[in-house]
N, C-alpha and C. Protein backbone atom coordinates (compact mmCIF):
# COMPACT_ATOMS: atom_id res chain seq x y z
N UNK A 1 -123.64 96.29 -72.91
CA UNK A 1 -124.82 96.40 -72.11
C UNK A 1 -124.43 96.40 -70.64
N UNK A 2 -125.04 97.28 -69.87
CA UNK A 2 -124.70 97.37 -68.46
C UNK A 2 -125.39 96.27 -67.66
N UNK A 3 -124.81 95.93 -66.53
CA UNK A 3 -125.38 94.90 -65.65
C UNK A 3 -126.80 95.26 -65.23
N UNK A 4 -127.09 96.55 -65.04
CA UNK A 4 -128.41 96.95 -64.57
C UNK A 4 -129.49 96.73 -65.61
N UNK A 5 -129.13 96.53 -66.86
CA UNK A 5 -130.14 96.32 -67.89
C UNK A 5 -130.14 94.88 -68.39
N UNK A 6 -129.38 94.02 -67.79
CA UNK A 6 -129.34 92.64 -68.29
C UNK A 6 -130.19 91.73 -67.43
N UNK A 7 -130.56 90.63 -68.02
CA UNK A 7 -131.34 89.63 -67.31
C UNK A 7 -130.40 88.79 -66.47
N UNK A 8 -130.75 88.59 -65.22
CA UNK A 8 -130.02 87.68 -64.35
C UNK A 8 -130.98 86.54 -64.07
N UNK A 9 -130.59 85.33 -64.45
CA UNK A 9 -131.51 84.20 -64.46
C UNK A 9 -132.13 83.92 -63.10
N UNK A 10 -133.43 84.11 -63.03
CA UNK A 10 -134.29 83.61 -61.96
C UNK A 10 -133.78 83.84 -60.55
N UNK A 11 -133.24 85.01 -60.24
CA UNK A 11 -132.77 85.21 -58.87
C UNK A 11 -133.65 86.14 -58.06
N UNK A 12 -134.75 86.61 -58.65
CA UNK A 12 -135.77 87.41 -57.97
C UNK A 12 -135.29 88.74 -57.41
N UNK A 13 -134.11 89.22 -57.75
CA UNK A 13 -133.69 90.55 -57.32
C UNK A 13 -134.38 91.60 -58.19
N UNK A 14 -134.66 92.75 -57.60
CA UNK A 14 -135.23 93.81 -58.43
C UNK A 14 -134.27 94.15 -59.57
N UNK A 15 -134.78 94.25 -60.75
CA UNK A 15 -133.96 94.54 -61.92
C UNK A 15 -134.75 95.41 -62.88
N UNK A 16 -134.06 96.06 -63.77
CA UNK A 16 -134.75 96.80 -64.80
C UNK A 16 -135.18 95.81 -65.87
N UNK A 17 -135.67 96.31 -66.97
CA UNK A 17 -136.18 95.45 -68.02
C UNK A 17 -135.08 94.71 -68.75
N UNK A 18 -135.38 94.35 -69.97
CA UNK A 18 -134.44 93.61 -70.79
C UNK A 18 -134.39 94.27 -72.16
N UNK A 19 -133.27 94.11 -72.82
CA UNK A 19 -133.13 94.68 -74.16
C UNK A 19 -134.00 93.89 -75.14
N UNK A 20 -134.19 94.48 -76.29
CA UNK A 20 -134.96 93.81 -77.35
C UNK A 20 -134.31 92.47 -77.71
N UNK A 21 -133.00 92.44 -77.77
CA UNK A 21 -132.29 91.20 -78.12
C UNK A 21 -132.50 90.13 -77.04
N UNK A 22 -132.54 90.54 -75.79
CA UNK A 22 -132.78 89.58 -74.71
C UNK A 22 -134.20 89.04 -74.76
N UNK A 23 -135.16 89.90 -75.07
CA UNK A 23 -136.55 89.46 -75.21
C UNK A 23 -136.68 88.52 -76.40
N UNK A 24 -135.99 88.84 -77.51
CA UNK A 24 -135.99 87.94 -78.67
C UNK A 24 -135.45 86.57 -78.28
N UNK A 25 -134.39 86.55 -77.52
CA UNK A 25 -133.78 85.29 -77.08
C UNK A 25 -134.74 84.50 -76.19
N UNK A 26 -135.41 85.19 -75.28
CA UNK A 26 -136.41 84.53 -74.43
C UNK A 26 -137.51 83.91 -75.28
N UNK A 27 -138.07 84.70 -76.20
CA UNK A 27 -139.16 84.22 -77.05
C UNK A 27 -138.72 83.02 -77.88
N UNK A 28 -137.56 83.12 -78.48
CA UNK A 28 -137.04 82.03 -79.31
C UNK A 28 -136.82 80.77 -78.47
N UNK A 29 -136.25 80.93 -77.27
CA UNK A 29 -136.01 79.79 -76.40
C UNK A 29 -137.29 79.11 -75.96
N UNK A 30 -138.31 79.90 -75.63
CA UNK A 30 -139.60 79.34 -75.22
C UNK A 30 -140.24 78.61 -76.39
N UNK A 31 -140.29 79.26 -77.56
CA UNK A 31 -140.93 78.64 -78.72
C UNK A 31 -140.22 77.37 -79.17
N UNK A 32 -138.92 77.25 -78.86
CA UNK A 32 -138.20 76.03 -79.25
C UNK A 32 -138.64 74.83 -78.41
N UNK A 33 -139.34 75.08 -77.31
CA UNK A 33 -139.77 74.00 -76.41
C UNK A 33 -141.22 73.58 -76.62
N UNK A 34 -141.96 74.30 -77.48
CA UNK A 34 -143.37 74.00 -77.70
C UNK A 34 -143.69 73.99 -79.18
N UNK A 35 -144.79 73.32 -79.53
CA UNK A 35 -145.24 73.33 -80.92
C UNK A 35 -146.28 74.42 -81.16
N UNK A 36 -146.98 74.84 -80.09
CA UNK A 36 -148.02 75.85 -80.22
C UNK A 36 -147.45 77.21 -80.57
N UNK A 37 -148.21 77.96 -81.34
CA UNK A 37 -147.85 79.33 -81.72
C UNK A 37 -149.04 80.22 -81.39
N UNK A 38 -149.03 80.80 -80.19
CA UNK A 38 -150.20 81.54 -79.73
C UNK A 38 -150.37 82.89 -80.40
N UNK A 39 -151.65 83.28 -80.59
CA UNK A 39 -151.91 84.65 -81.00
C UNK A 39 -152.74 85.39 -79.95
N UNK A 40 -153.13 84.66 -78.89
CA UNK A 40 -153.83 85.26 -77.76
C UNK A 40 -153.05 84.93 -76.49
N UNK A 41 -152.80 85.94 -75.68
CA UNK A 41 -152.16 85.76 -74.38
C UNK A 41 -153.13 86.11 -73.28
N UNK A 42 -153.15 85.29 -72.23
CA UNK A 42 -154.03 85.56 -71.09
C UNK A 42 -153.19 85.51 -69.82
N UNK A 43 -153.21 86.60 -69.08
CA UNK A 43 -152.54 86.64 -67.78
C UNK A 43 -153.60 86.31 -66.75
N UNK A 44 -153.46 85.16 -66.12
CA UNK A 44 -154.45 84.71 -65.13
C UNK A 44 -154.15 85.33 -63.78
N UNK A 45 -155.03 86.20 -63.34
CA UNK A 45 -154.89 86.81 -62.04
C UNK A 45 -155.35 85.87 -60.94
N UNK A 46 -155.31 86.37 -59.72
CA UNK A 46 -155.73 85.58 -58.57
C UNK A 46 -157.13 85.01 -58.79
N UNK A 47 -157.25 83.72 -58.58
CA UNK A 47 -158.54 83.06 -58.72
C UNK A 47 -158.84 82.53 -60.11
N UNK A 48 -158.05 82.91 -61.11
CA UNK A 48 -158.33 82.44 -62.47
C UNK A 48 -157.29 81.45 -62.99
N UNK A 49 -156.39 81.00 -62.13
CA UNK A 49 -155.39 80.03 -62.55
C UNK A 49 -156.00 78.71 -63.04
N UNK A 50 -157.20 78.40 -62.56
CA UNK A 50 -157.87 77.16 -62.97
C UNK A 50 -158.37 77.21 -64.41
N UNK A 51 -158.30 78.38 -65.04
CA UNK A 51 -158.68 78.48 -66.46
C UNK A 51 -157.87 77.51 -67.30
N UNK A 52 -156.65 77.21 -66.87
CA UNK A 52 -155.81 76.29 -67.64
C UNK A 52 -156.44 74.90 -67.74
N UNK A 53 -157.35 74.58 -66.83
CA UNK A 53 -157.98 73.26 -66.85
C UNK A 53 -158.84 73.02 -68.10
N UNK A 54 -159.27 74.10 -68.76
CA UNK A 54 -160.08 73.94 -69.97
C UNK A 54 -159.27 74.13 -71.25
N UNK A 55 -157.97 74.36 -71.09
CA UNK A 55 -157.08 74.47 -72.25
C UNK A 55 -156.75 73.06 -72.74
N UNK A 56 -156.93 72.83 -74.04
CA UNK A 56 -156.62 71.52 -74.62
C UNK A 56 -155.24 71.56 -75.28
N UNK A 57 -154.72 70.40 -75.58
CA UNK A 57 -153.41 70.27 -76.23
C UNK A 57 -152.33 71.03 -75.46
N UNK A 58 -152.35 70.89 -74.16
CA UNK A 58 -151.45 71.68 -73.30
C UNK A 58 -149.99 71.33 -73.46
N UNK A 59 -149.19 72.38 -73.47
CA UNK A 59 -147.74 72.30 -73.36
C UNK A 59 -147.37 73.29 -72.25
N UNK A 60 -146.71 72.80 -71.21
CA UNK A 60 -146.47 73.62 -70.02
C UNK A 60 -144.98 73.80 -69.78
N UNK A 61 -144.61 75.05 -69.52
CA UNK A 61 -143.22 75.37 -69.17
C UNK A 61 -143.24 76.16 -67.86
N UNK A 62 -142.68 75.61 -66.78
CA UNK A 62 -142.57 76.38 -65.54
C UNK A 62 -141.62 77.56 -65.74
N UNK A 63 -141.97 78.69 -65.14
CA UNK A 63 -141.11 79.88 -65.25
C UNK A 63 -139.68 79.58 -64.82
N UNK A 64 -139.53 78.73 -63.79
CA UNK A 64 -138.19 78.44 -63.27
C UNK A 64 -137.32 77.74 -64.31
N UNK A 65 -137.93 77.17 -65.35
CA UNK A 65 -137.18 76.50 -66.41
C UNK A 65 -136.86 77.42 -67.58
N UNK A 66 -137.19 78.71 -67.44
CA UNK A 66 -136.92 79.70 -68.48
C UNK A 66 -135.88 80.67 -67.94
N UNK A 67 -134.61 80.50 -68.31
CA UNK A 67 -133.57 81.41 -67.79
C UNK A 67 -133.91 82.87 -68.10
N UNK A 68 -133.93 83.68 -67.05
CA UNK A 68 -134.19 85.11 -67.22
C UNK A 68 -135.64 85.50 -67.07
N UNK A 69 -136.54 84.54 -66.94
CA UNK A 69 -137.97 84.85 -66.82
C UNK A 69 -138.28 85.12 -65.35
N UNK A 70 -138.98 86.22 -65.04
CA UNK A 70 -139.29 86.51 -63.64
C UNK A 70 -140.21 85.44 -63.04
N UNK A 71 -139.95 85.09 -61.79
CA UNK A 71 -140.68 84.02 -61.11
C UNK A 71 -141.55 84.60 -60.01
N UNK A 72 -142.82 84.23 -60.02
CA UNK A 72 -143.75 84.69 -58.99
C UNK A 72 -143.48 83.98 -57.67
N UNK A 73 -143.60 84.75 -56.60
CA UNK A 73 -143.43 84.18 -55.26
C UNK A 73 -144.74 84.20 -54.48
N UNK A 74 -145.82 84.61 -55.12
CA UNK A 74 -147.11 84.74 -54.46
C UNK A 74 -147.81 83.38 -54.40
N UNK A 75 -148.29 82.98 -53.22
CA UNK A 75 -149.04 81.72 -53.13
C UNK A 75 -150.24 81.73 -54.08
N UNK A 76 -150.45 80.62 -54.76
CA UNK A 76 -151.56 80.52 -55.70
C UNK A 76 -151.20 80.93 -57.11
N UNK A 77 -150.05 81.57 -57.29
CA UNK A 77 -149.59 81.91 -58.63
C UNK A 77 -148.61 80.79 -59.02
N UNK A 78 -149.08 79.87 -59.83
CA UNK A 78 -148.35 78.64 -60.12
C UNK A 78 -147.00 78.84 -60.79
N UNK A 79 -146.87 79.91 -61.56
CA UNK A 79 -145.59 80.16 -62.21
C UNK A 79 -145.36 79.27 -63.41
N UNK A 80 -146.35 79.23 -64.32
CA UNK A 80 -146.23 78.37 -65.50
C UNK A 80 -146.78 79.09 -66.73
N UNK A 81 -146.13 78.86 -67.86
CA UNK A 81 -146.70 79.22 -69.15
C UNK A 81 -147.43 77.99 -69.66
N UNK A 82 -148.69 78.17 -70.04
CA UNK A 82 -149.49 77.05 -70.55
C UNK A 82 -149.91 77.39 -71.97
N UNK A 83 -149.39 76.63 -72.92
CA UNK A 83 -149.73 76.79 -74.33
C UNK A 83 -150.81 75.77 -74.67
N UNK A 84 -151.68 76.11 -75.62
CA UNK A 84 -152.69 75.16 -76.06
C UNK A 84 -153.80 75.85 -76.80
N UNK A 85 -154.97 75.20 -76.78
CA UNK A 85 -156.15 75.71 -77.47
C UNK A 85 -157.24 76.01 -76.45
N UNK A 86 -157.89 77.14 -76.64
CA UNK A 86 -159.02 77.55 -75.82
C UNK A 86 -160.12 77.97 -76.79
N UNK A 87 -161.21 77.22 -76.79
CA UNK A 87 -162.30 77.46 -77.75
C UNK A 87 -161.77 77.51 -79.18
N UNK A 88 -160.82 76.64 -79.48
CA UNK A 88 -160.27 76.54 -80.83
C UNK A 88 -159.21 77.57 -81.16
N UNK A 89 -158.93 78.49 -80.26
CA UNK A 89 -157.94 79.54 -80.49
C UNK A 89 -156.60 79.14 -79.87
N UNK A 90 -155.52 79.50 -80.54
CA UNK A 90 -154.18 79.21 -80.04
C UNK A 90 -153.82 80.24 -78.97
N UNK A 91 -153.54 79.76 -77.75
CA UNK A 91 -153.32 80.66 -76.62
C UNK A 91 -152.05 80.31 -75.86
N UNK A 92 -151.59 81.27 -75.09
CA UNK A 92 -150.61 81.04 -74.03
C UNK A 92 -151.16 81.73 -72.80
N UNK A 93 -151.22 81.00 -71.70
CA UNK A 93 -151.68 81.55 -70.44
C UNK A 93 -150.52 81.66 -69.49
N UNK A 94 -150.46 82.79 -68.82
CA UNK A 94 -149.52 82.94 -67.71
C UNK A 94 -150.30 82.54 -66.46
N UNK A 95 -149.96 81.40 -65.90
CA UNK A 95 -150.61 80.95 -64.68
C UNK A 95 -149.83 81.52 -63.51
N UNK A 96 -150.15 82.77 -63.20
CA UNK A 96 -149.44 83.53 -62.20
C UNK A 96 -148.55 84.57 -62.85
N UNK A 97 -148.34 85.66 -62.13
CA UNK A 97 -147.51 86.75 -62.63
C UNK A 97 -146.72 87.34 -61.48
N UNK A 98 -145.84 88.27 -61.81
CA UNK A 98 -145.03 88.92 -60.77
C UNK A 98 -145.56 90.33 -60.51
N UNK A 99 -145.19 90.86 -59.35
CA UNK A 99 -145.70 92.15 -58.89
C UNK A 99 -144.58 93.01 -58.33
N UNK A 100 -144.82 94.31 -58.29
CA UNK A 100 -143.85 95.23 -57.69
C UNK A 100 -143.60 94.88 -56.23
N UNK A 101 -144.64 94.47 -55.51
CA UNK A 101 -144.46 94.18 -54.08
C UNK A 101 -143.61 92.93 -53.83
N UNK A 102 -143.27 92.21 -54.89
CA UNK A 102 -142.34 91.09 -54.77
C UNK A 102 -140.90 91.55 -54.97
N UNK A 103 -140.73 92.84 -55.25
CA UNK A 103 -139.39 93.39 -55.45
C UNK A 103 -139.01 93.59 -56.90
N UNK A 104 -139.95 93.37 -57.81
CA UNK A 104 -139.67 93.56 -59.23
C UNK A 104 -139.97 94.99 -59.65
N UNK A 105 -139.16 95.50 -60.55
CA UNK A 105 -139.42 96.81 -61.13
C UNK A 105 -140.53 96.66 -62.18
N UNK A 106 -141.23 97.74 -62.51
CA UNK A 106 -142.23 97.65 -63.57
C UNK A 106 -141.63 97.16 -64.89
N UNK A 107 -140.36 97.52 -65.15
CA UNK A 107 -139.72 97.08 -66.38
C UNK A 107 -139.55 95.55 -66.39
N UNK A 108 -139.23 94.95 -65.25
CA UNK A 108 -139.11 93.48 -65.16
C UNK A 108 -140.47 92.82 -65.30
N UNK A 109 -141.49 93.46 -64.72
CA UNK A 109 -142.84 92.91 -64.81
C UNK A 109 -143.31 92.87 -66.27
N UNK A 110 -142.82 93.80 -67.07
CA UNK A 110 -143.20 93.86 -68.49
C UNK A 110 -142.49 92.82 -69.35
N UNK A 111 -141.43 92.20 -68.84
CA UNK A 111 -140.67 91.23 -69.64
C UNK A 111 -141.55 90.10 -70.20
N UNK A 112 -142.41 89.47 -69.40
CA UNK A 112 -143.25 88.40 -69.98
C UNK A 112 -144.20 88.91 -71.07
N UNK A 113 -144.70 90.13 -70.91
CA UNK A 113 -145.62 90.68 -71.91
C UNK A 113 -144.88 90.96 -73.20
N UNK A 114 -143.70 91.55 -73.09
CA UNK A 114 -142.89 91.81 -74.28
C UNK A 114 -142.51 90.49 -74.96
N UNK A 115 -142.23 89.47 -74.15
CA UNK A 115 -141.88 88.15 -74.69
C UNK A 115 -143.05 87.55 -75.45
N UNK A 116 -144.26 87.66 -74.86
CA UNK A 116 -145.45 87.13 -75.56
C UNK A 116 -145.64 87.81 -76.91
N UNK A 117 -145.41 89.11 -76.96
CA UNK A 117 -145.54 89.85 -78.23
C UNK A 117 -144.62 89.24 -79.29
N UNK A 118 -143.37 88.96 -78.90
CA UNK A 118 -142.42 88.41 -79.88
C UNK A 118 -142.67 86.93 -80.16
N UNK A 119 -143.52 86.29 -79.36
CA UNK A 119 -143.92 84.91 -79.65
C UNK A 119 -145.13 84.88 -80.59
N UNK A 120 -145.68 86.05 -80.93
CA UNK A 120 -146.79 86.11 -81.88
C UNK A 120 -148.12 86.52 -81.30
N UNK A 121 -148.17 86.83 -80.01
CA UNK A 121 -149.42 87.23 -79.38
C UNK A 121 -149.85 88.60 -79.91
N UNK A 122 -151.08 88.66 -80.41
CA UNK A 122 -151.64 89.91 -80.94
C UNK A 122 -152.69 90.50 -80.00
N UNK A 123 -153.34 89.64 -79.21
CA UNK A 123 -154.38 90.06 -78.27
C UNK A 123 -153.97 89.62 -76.88
N UNK A 124 -153.99 90.55 -75.92
CA UNK A 124 -153.63 90.24 -74.55
C UNK A 124 -154.82 90.52 -73.64
N UNK A 125 -155.16 89.51 -72.83
CA UNK A 125 -156.23 89.65 -71.85
C UNK A 125 -155.58 89.57 -70.47
N UNK A 126 -155.76 90.61 -69.69
CA UNK A 126 -155.17 90.68 -68.36
C UNK A 126 -156.30 90.61 -67.33
N UNK A 127 -156.16 89.69 -66.39
CA UNK A 127 -157.19 89.55 -65.36
C UNK A 127 -156.55 89.77 -63.99
N UNK A 128 -157.39 90.10 -63.02
CA UNK A 128 -156.92 90.24 -61.65
C UNK A 128 -158.11 90.13 -60.70
N UNK A 129 -157.81 89.95 -59.45
CA UNK A 129 -158.82 90.01 -58.41
C UNK A 129 -158.90 91.46 -57.96
N UNK A 130 -160.08 92.04 -58.08
CA UNK A 130 -160.23 93.45 -57.73
C UNK A 130 -161.49 93.63 -56.89
N UNK A 131 -161.40 94.54 -55.99
CA UNK A 131 -162.57 94.89 -55.20
C UNK A 131 -163.36 95.97 -55.91
N UNK A 132 -164.57 96.15 -55.49
CA UNK A 132 -165.41 97.18 -56.07
C UNK A 132 -166.30 97.79 -55.01
N UNK A 133 -166.87 98.92 -55.32
CA UNK A 133 -167.75 99.57 -54.35
C UNK A 133 -169.22 99.29 -54.63
N UNK A 134 -169.49 98.55 -55.70
CA UNK A 134 -170.86 98.19 -56.03
C UNK A 134 -171.31 97.08 -55.08
N UNK A 135 -172.26 97.36 -54.23
CA UNK A 135 -172.71 96.38 -53.22
C UNK A 135 -173.41 95.18 -53.85
N UNK A 136 -173.79 95.29 -55.12
CA UNK A 136 -174.42 94.15 -55.80
C UNK A 136 -173.41 93.12 -56.28
N UNK A 137 -172.10 93.48 -56.30
CA UNK A 137 -171.07 92.53 -56.71
C UNK A 137 -170.89 91.47 -55.64
N UNK A 138 -170.67 90.26 -56.10
CA UNK A 138 -170.38 89.15 -55.20
C UNK A 138 -169.01 88.58 -55.56
N UNK A 139 -168.37 87.91 -54.62
CA UNK A 139 -167.06 87.30 -54.88
C UNK A 139 -167.19 86.40 -56.10
N UNK A 140 -166.29 86.58 -57.06
CA UNK A 140 -166.29 85.78 -58.28
C UNK A 140 -167.01 86.43 -59.44
N UNK A 141 -167.72 87.53 -59.21
CA UNK A 141 -168.37 88.23 -60.32
C UNK A 141 -167.30 88.79 -61.24
N UNK A 142 -167.60 88.81 -62.52
CA UNK A 142 -166.69 89.41 -63.49
C UNK A 142 -167.09 90.85 -63.73
N UNK A 143 -166.09 91.70 -63.87
CA UNK A 143 -166.34 93.09 -64.20
C UNK A 143 -165.23 93.56 -65.13
N UNK A 144 -165.51 94.60 -65.86
CA UNK A 144 -164.53 95.18 -66.76
C UNK A 144 -164.05 96.48 -66.14
N UNK A 145 -162.74 96.63 -66.05
CA UNK A 145 -162.17 97.89 -65.57
C UNK A 145 -161.88 98.72 -66.81
N UNK A 146 -162.58 99.82 -66.96
CA UNK A 146 -162.43 100.67 -68.14
C UNK A 146 -161.33 101.71 -67.98
N UNK A 147 -160.98 102.03 -66.75
CA UNK A 147 -159.99 103.07 -66.52
C UNK A 147 -159.45 102.89 -65.10
N UNK A 148 -158.35 103.51 -64.82
CA UNK A 148 -157.78 103.47 -63.48
C UNK A 148 -156.91 104.69 -63.28
N UNK A 149 -156.62 104.97 -62.03
CA UNK A 149 -155.70 106.05 -61.70
C UNK A 149 -154.37 105.39 -61.36
N UNK A 150 -153.35 105.67 -62.14
CA UNK A 150 -152.03 105.08 -61.94
C UNK A 150 -151.28 105.91 -60.91
N UNK A 151 -151.58 105.64 -59.64
CA UNK A 151 -150.94 106.42 -58.57
C UNK A 151 -149.43 106.28 -58.58
N UNK A 152 -148.95 105.07 -58.84
CA UNK A 152 -147.49 104.88 -58.89
C UNK A 152 -146.86 105.70 -60.01
N UNK A 153 -147.61 105.91 -61.08
CA UNK A 153 -147.14 106.68 -62.22
C UNK A 153 -146.82 108.12 -61.86
N UNK A 154 -147.51 108.66 -60.86
CA UNK A 154 -147.24 110.03 -60.41
C UNK A 154 -145.82 110.15 -59.86
N UNK A 155 -145.27 109.04 -59.40
CA UNK A 155 -143.90 109.03 -58.86
C UNK A 155 -142.89 108.53 -59.88
N UNK A 156 -143.33 108.38 -61.13
CA UNK A 156 -142.42 107.92 -62.18
C UNK A 156 -142.23 106.42 -62.22
N UNK A 157 -143.04 105.67 -61.48
CA UNK A 157 -142.94 104.21 -61.48
C UNK A 157 -143.80 103.70 -62.63
N UNK A 158 -143.14 103.35 -63.72
CA UNK A 158 -143.84 103.00 -64.94
C UNK A 158 -142.92 102.15 -65.80
N UNK A 159 -143.44 101.12 -66.48
CA UNK A 159 -142.56 100.29 -67.31
C UNK A 159 -141.97 101.02 -68.50
N UNK A 160 -142.48 102.19 -68.82
CA UNK A 160 -141.97 102.95 -69.95
C UNK A 160 -140.82 103.89 -69.57
N UNK A 161 -140.53 104.00 -68.27
CA UNK A 161 -139.44 104.88 -67.83
C UNK A 161 -138.11 104.23 -68.20
N UNK A 162 -137.22 105.00 -68.75
CA UNK A 162 -135.90 104.49 -69.13
C UNK A 162 -135.60 104.79 -70.59
N UNK A 163 -134.50 104.24 -71.06
CA UNK A 163 -134.09 104.46 -72.44
C UNK A 163 -135.12 103.90 -73.39
N UNK A 164 -135.39 104.62 -74.46
CA UNK A 164 -136.33 104.15 -75.48
C UNK A 164 -135.63 103.19 -76.41
N UNK A 165 -136.25 102.05 -76.63
CA UNK A 165 -135.73 101.06 -77.57
C UNK A 165 -136.66 101.04 -78.78
N UNK A 166 -136.21 101.61 -79.87
CA UNK A 166 -137.04 101.76 -81.07
C UNK A 166 -137.57 100.44 -81.62
N UNK A 167 -136.88 99.32 -81.32
CA UNK A 167 -137.33 98.04 -81.87
C UNK A 167 -138.57 97.57 -81.16
């Protein structure tokens, strides 16, 4: 495996993704530290990090304690995986995430999502703070984004760019 495709533990340099074996190792390492086995993953965007306050039976792992896991540098993104129960469902919440503007490639940004899949997550809920042109919206209103224009995709910036891994 080339250096450009390997995980370098928590150094925040832009990197490509990780191999299937590396993602398996991440998932196995994380699951060895918790008793929960989530089937729902929630990525808490800006303003929704407090959702973890209603999660019961919490088991928390800071990203910095997971070798190879990308670490958020954005204020307000706590950088923690929170396992537990939400309305009786087994969940894992990402309290904060990483972004391209932090220097991460889309492939690195996808590492936590791929890891959640191998931890057993079947349903993924992604949230973010987004503006809208509807003047009736107020700060904190919830809305569903049904579609978007992937402007970065026009330049080939996409987590799917690169060698295909059949696994």
